[in-house]
Structures are given as structure tokens and as C-alpha cells.
N, C-alpha and C. Protein backbone atom coordinates (compact mmCIF):
# COMPACT_ATOMS: atom_id res chain seq x y z
N UNK A 1 -5.37 6.80 -22.43
CA UNK A 1 -5.70 7.77 -21.41
C UNK A 1 -4.65 7.72 -20.30
N UNK A 2 -4.31 8.88 -19.76
CA UNK A 2 -3.38 8.96 -18.64
C UNK A 2 -4.10 9.62 -17.48
N UNK A 3 -3.70 9.28 -16.27
CA UNK A 3 -4.25 9.91 -15.09
C UNK A 3 -3.15 10.08 -14.06
N UNK A 4 -3.45 10.87 -13.06
CA UNK A 4 -2.49 11.14 -12.00
C UNK A 4 -2.29 9.89 -11.15
N UNK A 5 -1.06 9.47 -10.95
CA UNK A 5 -0.79 8.27 -10.14
C UNK A 5 -0.68 8.69 -8.68
N UNK A 6 -1.82 8.82 -8.05
CA UNK A 6 -1.91 9.25 -6.66
C UNK A 6 -3.20 8.66 -6.11
N UNK A 7 -3.24 8.38 -4.82
CA UNK A 7 -4.46 7.79 -4.28
C UNK A 7 -5.63 8.76 -4.34
N UNK A 8 -5.38 10.03 -4.34
CA UNK A 8 -6.43 11.02 -4.51
C UNK A 8 -7.26 11.24 -3.26
N UNK A 9 -8.02 12.34 -3.26
CA UNK A 9 -8.74 12.74 -2.06
C UNK A 9 -9.91 11.83 -1.68
N UNK A 10 -10.50 11.12 -2.61
CA UNK A 10 -11.63 10.25 -2.26
C UNK A 10 -11.16 8.94 -1.65
N UNK A 11 -10.04 8.41 -2.11
CA UNK A 11 -9.53 7.15 -1.58
C UNK A 11 -8.77 7.34 -0.28
N UNK A 12 -8.36 8.57 0.02
CA UNK A 12 -7.67 8.83 1.29
C UNK A 12 -8.48 8.33 2.49
N UNK A 13 -9.79 8.39 2.39
CA UNK A 13 -10.67 8.00 3.50
C UNK A 13 -10.47 6.54 3.89
N UNK A 14 -10.01 5.72 2.97
CA UNK A 14 -9.75 4.31 3.26
C UNK A 14 -8.70 4.19 4.36
N UNK A 15 -7.73 5.09 4.36
CA UNK A 15 -6.68 5.02 5.37
C UNK A 15 -7.16 5.49 6.73
N UNK A 16 -8.15 6.36 6.75
CA UNK A 16 -8.77 6.71 8.03
C UNK A 16 -9.41 5.46 8.63
N UNK A 17 -10.06 4.68 7.78
CA UNK A 17 -10.68 3.42 8.22
C UNK A 17 -9.61 2.44 8.70
N UNK A 18 -8.53 2.31 7.93
CA UNK A 18 -7.44 1.41 8.32
C UNK A 18 -6.83 1.85 9.64
N UNK A 19 -6.69 3.15 9.83
CA UNK A 19 -6.11 3.68 11.07
C UNK A 19 -6.94 3.26 12.27
N UNK A 20 -8.26 3.23 12.10
CA UNK A 20 -9.14 2.84 13.22
C UNK A 20 -8.96 1.37 13.60
N UNK A 21 -8.39 0.57 12.72
CA UNK A 21 -8.17 -0.85 13.00
C UNK A 21 -6.84 -1.12 13.70
N UNK A 22 -5.98 -0.09 13.76
CA UNK A 22 -4.63 -0.26 14.30
C UNK A 22 -4.42 0.67 15.49
N UNK A 23 -3.51 0.29 16.36
CA UNK A 23 -3.22 1.16 17.51
C UNK A 23 -1.73 1.18 17.78
N UNK A 24 -1.30 2.18 18.52
CA UNK A 24 0.11 2.29 18.91
C UNK A 24 1.00 2.62 17.74
N UNK A 25 2.27 2.25 17.87
CA UNK A 25 3.23 2.48 16.80
C UNK A 25 2.87 1.61 15.61
N UNK A 26 2.82 2.22 14.43
CA UNK A 26 2.38 1.52 13.23
C UNK A 26 3.53 1.48 12.22
N UNK A 27 3.77 0.28 11.68
CA UNK A 27 4.76 0.11 10.62
C UNK A 27 4.01 -0.18 9.32
N UNK A 28 4.34 0.61 8.31
CA UNK A 28 3.65 0.53 7.02
C UNK A 28 4.65 0.16 5.94
N UNK A 29 4.24 -0.75 5.07
CA UNK A 29 4.99 -1.08 3.87
C UNK A 29 4.19 -0.60 2.68
N UNK A 30 4.78 0.29 1.90
CA UNK A 30 4.12 0.84 0.70
C UNK A 30 4.87 0.34 -0.52
N UNK A 31 4.14 -0.25 -1.46
CA UNK A 31 4.73 -0.71 -2.71
C UNK A 31 4.28 0.23 -3.82
N UNK A 32 5.20 1.07 -4.27
CA UNK A 32 4.92 2.07 -5.30
C UNK A 32 4.78 3.45 -4.69
N UNK A 33 5.79 4.28 -4.88
CA UNK A 33 5.78 5.61 -4.26
C UNK A 33 5.37 6.72 -5.21
N UNK A 34 5.68 6.59 -6.49
CA UNK A 34 5.51 7.63 -7.49
C UNK A 34 6.20 8.90 -7.02
N UNK A 35 5.47 9.93 -6.63
CA UNK A 35 6.10 11.19 -6.20
C UNK A 35 6.01 11.40 -4.69
N UNK A 36 5.50 10.41 -3.97
CA UNK A 36 5.48 10.49 -2.52
C UNK A 36 4.19 10.98 -1.91
N UNK A 37 3.15 11.22 -2.71
CA UNK A 37 1.89 11.72 -2.16
C UNK A 37 1.36 10.79 -1.07
N UNK A 38 1.27 9.50 -1.37
CA UNK A 38 0.70 8.58 -0.38
C UNK A 38 1.64 8.40 0.81
N UNK A 39 2.95 8.42 0.59
CA UNK A 39 3.89 8.33 1.71
C UNK A 39 3.68 9.49 2.68
N UNK A 40 3.54 10.68 2.12
CA UNK A 40 3.30 11.87 2.94
C UNK A 40 1.97 11.77 3.64
N UNK A 41 0.95 11.37 2.91
CA UNK A 41 -0.38 11.25 3.51
C UNK A 41 -0.38 10.22 4.64
N UNK A 42 0.25 9.07 4.42
CA UNK A 42 0.29 8.04 5.45
C UNK A 42 1.05 8.52 6.68
N UNK A 43 2.19 9.16 6.47
CA UNK A 43 2.99 9.66 7.60
C UNK A 43 2.21 10.70 8.40
N UNK A 44 1.47 11.55 7.72
CA UNK A 44 0.68 12.56 8.42
C UNK A 44 -0.55 11.95 9.11
N UNK A 45 -1.22 11.03 8.43
CA UNK A 45 -2.43 10.42 8.98
C UNK A 45 -2.13 9.58 10.22
N UNK A 46 -1.04 8.83 10.19
CA UNK A 46 -0.73 7.92 11.29
C UNK A 46 0.11 8.58 12.38
N UNK A 47 0.59 9.78 12.14
CA UNK A 47 1.23 10.56 13.19
C UNK A 47 2.68 10.20 13.45
N UNK A 48 3.19 10.75 14.55
CA UNK A 48 4.62 10.66 14.84
C UNK A 48 5.08 9.25 15.19
N UNK A 49 4.17 8.33 15.51
CA UNK A 49 4.56 6.96 15.86
C UNK A 49 4.64 6.03 14.65
N UNK A 50 4.46 6.56 13.44
CA UNK A 50 4.46 5.71 12.25
C UNK A 50 5.87 5.59 11.68
N UNK A 51 6.14 4.44 11.07
CA UNK A 51 7.35 4.26 10.27
C UNK A 51 6.91 3.65 8.94
N UNK A 52 7.11 4.38 7.87
CA UNK A 52 6.72 3.95 6.52
C UNK A 52 7.98 3.50 5.78
N UNK A 53 7.91 2.32 5.20
CA UNK A 53 8.94 1.83 4.30
C UNK A 53 8.31 1.78 2.92
N UNK A 54 8.83 2.59 2.00
CA UNK A 54 8.25 2.69 0.66
C UNK A 54 9.23 2.14 -0.35
N UNK A 55 8.75 1.26 -1.22
CA UNK A 55 9.59 0.65 -2.25
C UNK A 55 9.16 1.21 -3.60
N UNK A 56 10.13 1.71 -4.36
CA UNK A 56 9.86 2.27 -5.68
C UNK A 56 10.97 1.84 -6.64
N UNK A 57 10.59 1.34 -7.79
CA UNK A 57 11.56 0.83 -8.76
C UNK A 57 12.13 1.93 -9.66
N UNK A 58 11.40 2.99 -9.91
CA UNK A 58 11.81 4.03 -10.85
C UNK A 58 12.70 5.06 -10.15
N UNK A 59 13.97 5.20 -10.55
CA UNK A 59 14.87 6.12 -9.87
C UNK A 59 14.41 7.58 -9.90
N UNK A 60 13.75 8.00 -10.98
CA UNK A 60 13.23 9.36 -11.04
C UNK A 60 12.15 9.58 -9.99
N UNK A 61 11.30 8.58 -9.80
CA UNK A 61 10.24 8.68 -8.79
C UNK A 61 10.84 8.65 -7.38
N UNK A 62 11.90 7.87 -7.21
CA UNK A 62 12.57 7.83 -5.91
C UNK A 62 13.10 9.22 -5.56
N UNK A 63 13.75 9.86 -6.52
CA UNK A 63 14.27 11.22 -6.27
C UNK A 63 13.14 12.19 -5.95
N UNK A 64 12.05 12.12 -6.71
CA UNK A 64 10.91 13.01 -6.48
C UNK A 64 10.30 12.76 -5.10
N UNK A 65 10.14 11.50 -4.76
CA UNK A 65 9.56 11.16 -3.45
C UNK A 65 10.45 11.68 -2.32
N UNK A 66 11.74 11.44 -2.42
CA UNK A 66 12.66 11.91 -1.38
C UNK A 66 12.64 13.43 -1.26
N UNK A 67 12.59 14.12 -2.38
CA UNK A 67 12.54 15.59 -2.35
C UNK A 67 11.24 16.07 -1.70
N UNK A 68 10.13 15.44 -2.04
CA UNK A 68 8.85 15.83 -1.45
C UNK A 68 8.79 15.52 0.04
N UNK A 69 9.37 14.40 0.45
CA UNK A 69 9.42 14.06 1.87
C UNK A 69 10.28 15.06 2.63
N UNK A 70 11.39 15.46 2.03
CA UNK A 70 12.26 16.47 2.64
C UNK A 70 11.50 17.78 2.81
N UNK A 71 10.81 18.18 1.76
CA UNK A 71 10.03 19.42 1.81
C UNK A 71 8.94 19.35 2.89
N UNK A 72 8.34 18.17 3.04
CA UNK A 72 7.27 17.99 4.03
C UNK A 72 7.80 17.77 5.44
N UNK A 73 9.11 17.61 5.57
CA UNK A 73 9.71 17.38 6.89
C UNK A 73 9.41 16.01 7.45
N UNK A 74 9.32 15.01 6.59
CA UNK A 74 8.92 13.67 7.02
C UNK A 74 9.97 12.59 6.78
N UNK A 75 11.21 12.99 6.53
CA UNK A 75 12.24 11.99 6.25
C UNK A 75 12.55 11.10 7.45
N UNK A 76 12.18 11.54 8.64
CA UNK A 76 12.40 10.71 9.83
C UNK A 76 11.34 9.62 9.98
N UNK A 77 10.24 9.74 9.25
CA UNK A 77 9.16 8.76 9.35
C UNK A 77 9.04 7.85 8.14
N UNK A 78 9.67 8.24 7.01
CA UNK A 78 9.52 7.48 5.76
C UNK A 78 10.90 7.14 5.21
N UNK A 79 11.11 5.86 4.95
CA UNK A 79 12.32 5.37 4.29
C UNK A 79 11.94 4.91 2.90
N UNK A 80 12.63 5.43 1.90
CA UNK A 80 12.36 5.05 0.51
C UNK A 80 13.49 4.14 0.04
N UNK A 81 13.11 2.96 -0.43
CA UNK A 81 14.08 1.99 -0.93
C UNK A 81 13.90 1.87 -2.44
N UNK A 82 14.97 2.09 -3.17
CA UNK A 82 14.92 1.96 -4.63
C UNK A 82 15.17 0.51 -5.01
N UNK A 83 14.27 -0.03 -5.82
CA UNK A 83 14.45 -1.39 -6.31
C UNK A 83 13.12 -2.03 -6.65
N UNK A 84 13.20 -3.19 -7.24
CA UNK A 84 11.99 -3.94 -7.59
C UNK A 84 11.34 -4.44 -6.30
N UNK A 85 10.03 -4.36 -6.27
CA UNK A 85 9.32 -4.76 -5.05
C UNK A 85 9.64 -6.20 -4.66
N UNK A 86 9.63 -7.09 -5.62
CA UNK A 86 9.87 -8.50 -5.32
C UNK A 86 11.27 -8.72 -4.75
N UNK A 87 12.27 -8.05 -5.32
CA UNK A 87 13.64 -8.21 -4.81
C UNK A 87 13.79 -7.59 -3.42
N UNK A 88 13.19 -6.44 -3.20
CA UNK A 88 13.34 -5.78 -1.90
C UNK A 88 12.57 -6.55 -0.82
N UNK A 89 11.35 -6.99 -1.13
CA UNK A 89 10.57 -7.76 -0.15
C UNK A 89 11.37 -8.96 0.35
N UNK A 90 12.10 -9.59 -0.55
CA UNK A 90 12.90 -10.77 -0.19
C UNK A 90 13.99 -10.45 0.83
N UNK A 91 14.31 -9.18 1.03
CA UNK A 91 15.35 -8.79 1.99
C UNK A 91 14.77 -8.27 3.31
N UNK A 92 13.47 -8.05 3.38
CA UNK A 92 12.87 -7.47 4.59
C UNK A 92 12.69 -8.53 5.66
N UNK A 93 12.78 -8.11 6.92
CA UNK A 93 12.60 -9.07 8.02
C UNK A 93 11.77 -8.50 9.16
N UNK A 94 11.06 -7.43 8.93
CA UNK A 94 10.22 -6.83 9.95
C UNK A 94 8.76 -7.24 9.68
N UNK A 95 7.89 -7.05 10.64
CA UNK A 95 6.47 -7.25 10.38
C UNK A 95 5.82 -5.88 10.21
N UNK A 96 4.77 -5.86 9.40
CA UNK A 96 4.10 -4.61 9.08
C UNK A 96 2.64 -4.68 9.51
N UNK A 97 2.16 -3.56 10.02
CA UNK A 97 0.77 -3.45 10.45
C UNK A 97 -0.15 -3.12 9.27
N UNK A 98 0.42 -2.44 8.29
CA UNK A 98 -0.34 -2.03 7.11
C UNK A 98 0.54 -2.20 5.89
N UNK A 99 -0.01 -2.80 4.85
CA UNK A 99 0.66 -2.90 3.56
C UNK A 99 -0.22 -2.21 2.55
N UNK A 100 0.38 -1.27 1.81
CA UNK A 100 -0.35 -0.54 0.77
C UNK A 100 0.20 -0.93 -0.58
N UNK A 101 -0.64 -1.60 -1.38
CA UNK A 101 -0.26 -2.04 -2.72
C UNK A 101 -0.74 -0.99 -3.72
N UNK A 102 0.22 -0.33 -4.36
CA UNK A 102 -0.13 0.70 -5.33
C UNK A 102 0.97 0.80 -6.39
N UNK A 103 1.49 -0.36 -6.79
CA UNK A 103 2.53 -0.40 -7.81
C UNK A 103 1.98 -1.10 -9.05
N UNK A 104 2.77 -1.85 -9.76
CA UNK A 104 2.29 -2.56 -10.94
C UNK A 104 1.26 -3.60 -10.52
N UNK A 105 0.08 -3.49 -11.08
CA UNK A 105 -1.06 -4.31 -10.64
C UNK A 105 -0.81 -5.80 -10.84
N UNK A 106 -0.05 -6.17 -11.87
CA UNK A 106 0.21 -7.59 -12.09
C UNK A 106 1.18 -8.18 -11.06
N UNK A 107 1.74 -7.33 -10.19
CA UNK A 107 2.62 -7.80 -9.12
C UNK A 107 1.90 -7.97 -7.78
N UNK A 108 0.69 -7.46 -7.67
CA UNK A 108 -0.02 -7.49 -6.39
C UNK A 108 -0.05 -8.89 -5.78
N UNK A 109 -0.53 -9.85 -6.52
CA UNK A 109 -0.71 -11.20 -5.97
C UNK A 109 0.62 -11.83 -5.57
N UNK A 110 1.58 -11.85 -6.47
CA UNK A 110 2.87 -12.47 -6.17
C UNK A 110 3.58 -11.78 -5.02
N UNK A 111 3.52 -10.44 -4.99
CA UNK A 111 4.18 -9.73 -3.90
C UNK A 111 3.49 -9.98 -2.57
N UNK A 112 2.17 -10.03 -2.56
CA UNK A 112 1.47 -10.33 -1.31
C UNK A 112 1.82 -11.74 -0.83
N UNK A 113 1.85 -12.69 -1.73
CA UNK A 113 2.21 -14.05 -1.33
C UNK A 113 3.65 -14.11 -0.81
N UNK A 114 4.55 -13.35 -1.40
CA UNK A 114 5.92 -13.30 -0.90
C UNK A 114 5.97 -12.64 0.48
N UNK A 115 5.19 -11.60 0.68
CA UNK A 115 5.09 -10.96 2.00
C UNK A 115 4.62 -11.97 3.04
N UNK A 116 3.65 -12.78 2.68
CA UNK A 116 3.17 -13.83 3.60
C UNK A 116 4.28 -14.85 3.88
N UNK A 117 4.91 -15.34 2.81
CA UNK A 117 5.97 -16.35 2.96
C UNK A 117 7.12 -15.85 3.83
N UNK A 118 7.43 -14.57 3.74
CA UNK A 118 8.52 -13.99 4.50
C UNK A 118 8.11 -13.69 5.94
N UNK A 119 6.83 -13.89 6.29
CA UNK A 119 6.36 -13.64 7.64
C UNK A 119 6.31 -12.16 7.99
N UNK A 120 6.00 -11.32 7.00
CA UNK A 120 6.01 -9.87 7.20
C UNK A 120 4.66 -9.32 7.68
N UNK A 121 3.67 -10.21 7.82
CA UNK A 121 2.36 -9.82 8.34
C UNK A 121 2.16 -10.46 9.71
N UNK A 122 1.39 -9.80 10.54
CA UNK A 122 0.97 -10.37 11.81
C UNK A 122 -0.56 -10.47 11.76
N UNK A 123 -1.14 -11.25 12.63
CA UNK A 123 -2.59 -11.33 12.67
C UNK A 123 -3.13 -9.93 12.94
N UNK A 124 -4.06 -9.49 12.12
CA UNK A 124 -4.63 -8.15 12.24
C UNK A 124 -4.00 -7.12 11.32
N UNK A 125 -2.91 -7.48 10.62
CA UNK A 125 -2.33 -6.56 9.64
C UNK A 125 -3.36 -6.26 8.56
N UNK A 126 -3.35 -5.02 8.10
CA UNK A 126 -4.30 -4.57 7.08
C UNK A 126 -3.56 -4.42 5.76
N UNK A 127 -4.16 -4.98 4.71
CA UNK A 127 -3.61 -4.84 3.36
C UNK A 127 -4.61 -4.02 2.55
N UNK A 128 -4.15 -2.89 2.02
CA UNK A 128 -4.99 -2.02 1.20
C UNK A 128 -4.44 -2.09 -0.22
N UNK A 129 -5.28 -2.50 -1.16
CA UNK A 129 -4.89 -2.60 -2.56
C UNK A 129 -5.70 -1.59 -3.37
N UNK A 130 -4.98 -0.63 -3.96
CA UNK A 130 -5.63 0.39 -4.78
C UNK A 130 -5.76 -0.12 -6.21
N UNK A 131 -6.68 0.49 -6.94
CA UNK A 131 -6.89 0.20 -8.36
C UNK A 131 -7.20 -1.27 -8.61
N UNK A 132 -8.23 -1.78 -7.95
CA UNK A 132 -8.66 -3.16 -8.17
C UNK A 132 -10.00 -3.21 -8.90
N UNK A 133 -10.36 -2.11 -9.55
CA UNK A 133 -11.58 -2.08 -10.36
C UNK A 133 -11.39 -2.85 -11.65
N UNK A 134 -12.46 -2.98 -12.41
CA UNK A 134 -12.46 -3.78 -13.64
C UNK A 134 -11.37 -3.38 -14.63
N UNK A 135 -11.11 -2.10 -14.74
CA UNK A 135 -10.14 -1.61 -15.70
C UNK A 135 -8.75 -2.17 -15.49
N UNK A 136 -8.43 -2.56 -14.25
CA UNK A 136 -7.08 -2.97 -13.91
C UNK A 136 -6.86 -4.48 -13.88
N UNK A 137 -7.87 -5.27 -14.22
CA UNK A 137 -7.72 -6.73 -14.28
C UNK A 137 -7.15 -7.31 -12.98
N UNK A 138 -7.79 -6.99 -11.88
CA UNK A 138 -7.32 -7.43 -10.57
C UNK A 138 -7.96 -8.73 -10.09
N UNK A 139 -8.66 -9.42 -10.96
CA UNK A 139 -9.39 -10.62 -10.55
C UNK A 139 -8.52 -11.67 -9.86
N UNK A 140 -7.32 -11.97 -10.36
CA UNK A 140 -6.51 -12.98 -9.65
C UNK A 140 -6.19 -12.56 -8.21
N UNK A 141 -5.84 -11.30 -8.00
CA UNK A 141 -5.57 -10.81 -6.66
C UNK A 141 -6.82 -10.89 -5.79
N UNK A 142 -7.94 -10.39 -6.31
CA UNK A 142 -9.18 -10.38 -5.54
C UNK A 142 -9.65 -11.79 -5.22
N UNK A 143 -9.53 -12.68 -6.18
CA UNK A 143 -9.90 -14.09 -5.95
C UNK A 143 -9.08 -14.67 -4.79
N UNK A 144 -7.81 -14.34 -4.76
CA UNK A 144 -6.92 -14.86 -3.73
C UNK A 144 -7.30 -14.32 -2.35
N UNK A 145 -7.35 -12.99 -2.18
CA UNK A 145 -7.60 -12.46 -0.84
C UNK A 145 -9.00 -12.78 -0.34
N UNK A 146 -9.92 -12.97 -1.25
CA UNK A 146 -11.30 -13.28 -0.84
C UNK A 146 -11.51 -14.78 -0.61
N UNK A 147 -10.65 -15.61 -1.19
CA UNK A 147 -10.91 -17.04 -1.13
C UNK A 147 -9.87 -17.91 -0.46
N UNK A 148 -8.72 -17.36 -0.08
CA UNK A 148 -7.64 -18.21 0.46
C UNK A 148 -7.85 -18.55 1.93
N UNK A 149 -8.76 -17.86 2.62
CA UNK A 149 -9.03 -18.14 4.02
C UNK A 149 -8.12 -17.41 4.99
N UNK A 150 -7.20 -16.58 4.50
CA UNK A 150 -6.28 -15.85 5.37
C UNK A 150 -6.72 -14.41 5.64
N UNK A 151 -7.73 -13.95 4.94
CA UNK A 151 -8.14 -12.55 5.03
C UNK A 151 -9.65 -12.43 5.14
N UNK A 152 -10.07 -11.37 5.80
CA UNK A 152 -11.44 -10.89 5.63
C UNK A 152 -11.31 -9.63 4.80
N UNK A 153 -12.07 -9.54 3.73
CA UNK A 153 -11.89 -8.46 2.77
C UNK A 153 -13.19 -7.73 2.50
N UNK A 154 -13.03 -6.45 2.25
CA UNK A 154 -14.14 -5.59 1.85
C UNK A 154 -13.69 -4.72 0.70
N UNK A 155 -14.60 -4.50 -0.23
CA UNK A 155 -14.31 -3.70 -1.41
C UNK A 155 -15.00 -2.35 -1.28
N UNK A 156 -14.27 -1.29 -1.63
CA UNK A 156 -14.81 0.07 -1.61
C UNK A 156 -14.74 0.65 -3.01
N UNK A 157 -15.89 1.00 -3.57
CA UNK A 157 -15.92 1.66 -4.87
C UNK A 157 -15.43 3.09 -4.72
N UNK A 158 -14.64 3.52 -5.66
CA UNK A 158 -14.14 4.89 -5.70
C UNK A 158 -13.62 5.13 -7.11
N UNK A 159 -13.80 6.31 -7.65
CA UNK A 159 -13.33 6.55 -9.02
C UNK A 159 -11.81 6.59 -9.10
N UNK A 160 -11.31 6.37 -10.31
CA UNK A 160 -9.89 6.56 -10.57
C UNK A 160 -9.56 8.01 -10.23
N UNK A 161 -8.43 8.22 -9.67
CA UNK A 161 -8.01 9.52 -9.17
C UNK A 161 -8.28 10.64 -10.16
N UNK A 162 -8.99 11.64 -9.68
CA UNK A 162 -9.25 12.88 -10.42
C UNK A 162 -10.00 12.65 -11.73
N UNK A 163 -10.80 11.56 -11.77
CA UNK A 163 -11.66 11.27 -12.92
C UNK A 163 -13.01 10.81 -12.37
N UNK A 164 -13.92 10.50 -13.27
CA UNK A 164 -15.17 9.87 -12.84
C UNK A 164 -15.24 8.43 -13.35
N UNK A 165 -14.09 7.87 -13.75
CA UNK A 165 -14.04 6.48 -14.20
C UNK A 165 -14.09 5.56 -12.98
N UNK A 166 -14.88 4.48 -13.06
CA UNK A 166 -15.04 3.60 -11.89
C UNK A 166 -13.76 2.83 -11.54
N UNK A 167 -13.57 2.66 -10.25
CA UNK A 167 -12.44 1.91 -9.72
C UNK A 167 -12.84 1.39 -8.35
N UNK A 168 -11.91 0.76 -7.65
CA UNK A 168 -12.19 0.24 -6.31
C UNK A 168 -10.89 0.05 -5.54
N UNK A 169 -11.05 -0.05 -4.23
CA UNK A 169 -9.97 -0.34 -3.29
C UNK A 169 -10.41 -1.55 -2.49
N UNK A 170 -9.52 -2.50 -2.28
CA UNK A 170 -9.81 -3.68 -1.47
C UNK A 170 -9.08 -3.55 -0.14
N UNK A 171 -9.82 -3.69 0.95
CA UNK A 171 -9.24 -3.65 2.30
C UNK A 171 -9.33 -5.06 2.86
N UNK A 172 -8.18 -5.65 3.17
CA UNK A 172 -8.13 -7.02 3.65
C UNK A 172 -7.40 -7.07 4.98
N UNK A 173 -7.99 -7.74 5.95
CA UNK A 173 -7.37 -7.89 7.26
C UNK A 173 -6.86 -9.32 7.37
N UNK A 174 -5.56 -9.44 7.64
CA UNK A 174 -4.90 -10.74 7.73
C UNK A 174 -5.32 -11.46 8.99
N UNK A 175 -5.81 -12.69 8.82
CA UNK A 175 -6.28 -13.50 9.95
C UNK A 175 -5.24 -14.49 10.43
N UNK A 176 -4.11 -14.55 9.74
CA UNK A 176 -3.05 -15.49 10.09
C UNK A 176 -3.03 -16.64 9.09
N UNK A 177 -1.99 -17.46 9.16
CA UNK A 177 -1.88 -18.60 8.22
C UNK A 177 -3.00 -19.59 8.47
N UNK A 178 -3.39 -20.26 7.41
CA UNK A 178 -4.48 -21.26 7.54
C UNK A 178 -3.92 -22.63 7.77
């Protein structure tokens, strides 16, 4: 089965919730851009004070995302970096208020741990992980964010984009190193 790789209209509401947890200028790190739907949505939802850094490994998706951002007039708010998430994260030195995990699901845990090791989170940073329902085998990631003592986490049920198949989104607020 194939489905549209987009956060979709039902999961968009999670970002409204995340927005309520943050104030002022917001820096977002997005892992997995696909065609730029979520980059555009985040830039529009968080307004003119947002800066989104989106990492995408697939060059075709990078081109599509950049074209869609240009069309939407949001190239000043979103930077798209082509490359593997793990390699690019290792080069970042900024802190992020929101991290959106929506790339290869088996990379969620390792990439989040690398983000922590690199000091890219501040106390109160929000991590949103899409597609953490049973179908995606997200147990190692969920076990970590729920049990490591660095996050308070809540799970939101929502179907896979544009289907009625069950899925979920995990919202985790970083409490700082333990």
C-alpha cells in the first residue's frame, strides 16, 4: 500500500498545539521534507518570526520542496539542506524550539539522540514525531522519549494521511539533560 507522504489536515492540529507552547521567534528543525507541504505549513502557522531548517536526503524531493517554497513565497523563512539527516545534524550548531521528525522512522531515535548530544535542544523545546503508530514499529523511539527522563510526552491518535488506517503522533517536551 502507498499513501501520500504529508502530515495531512488532521495532524496539522498538532502544530497548533505546539505553537501554543512556544513564544517569540521560533526556530524549527524538520527532518524529511518530501515535497515541502509541512515546511510550508510550519512557516505559515508560525508566522514571519519563524526560521525552518529542513533536511531532505532525496535530491528530487529537495527540488520539489524548493519549487513549492518559491511558489508559496516562503524561501526567506525555510532553508532546505540536501543530505542525510545524521550527517547534516552533525554539522548544526544552533538550538531549535521545535523538531519535527517525519523522515525514515528507523532514524528517529538515533537522530534525536544525536540532536541531544549536539546540544541542539533547549529546555522547553518541542519534539513532534509523526507516524509512531503500530504500523511503523516506533516502539524503540517511544520507549526512549517516554522513559529516559528528559521529556514529558503525549501521544495523539490520528489516521495515516488521507486514509482511515490508525496512526499516531508523539509530542515530547524536552526537560533538559538528566
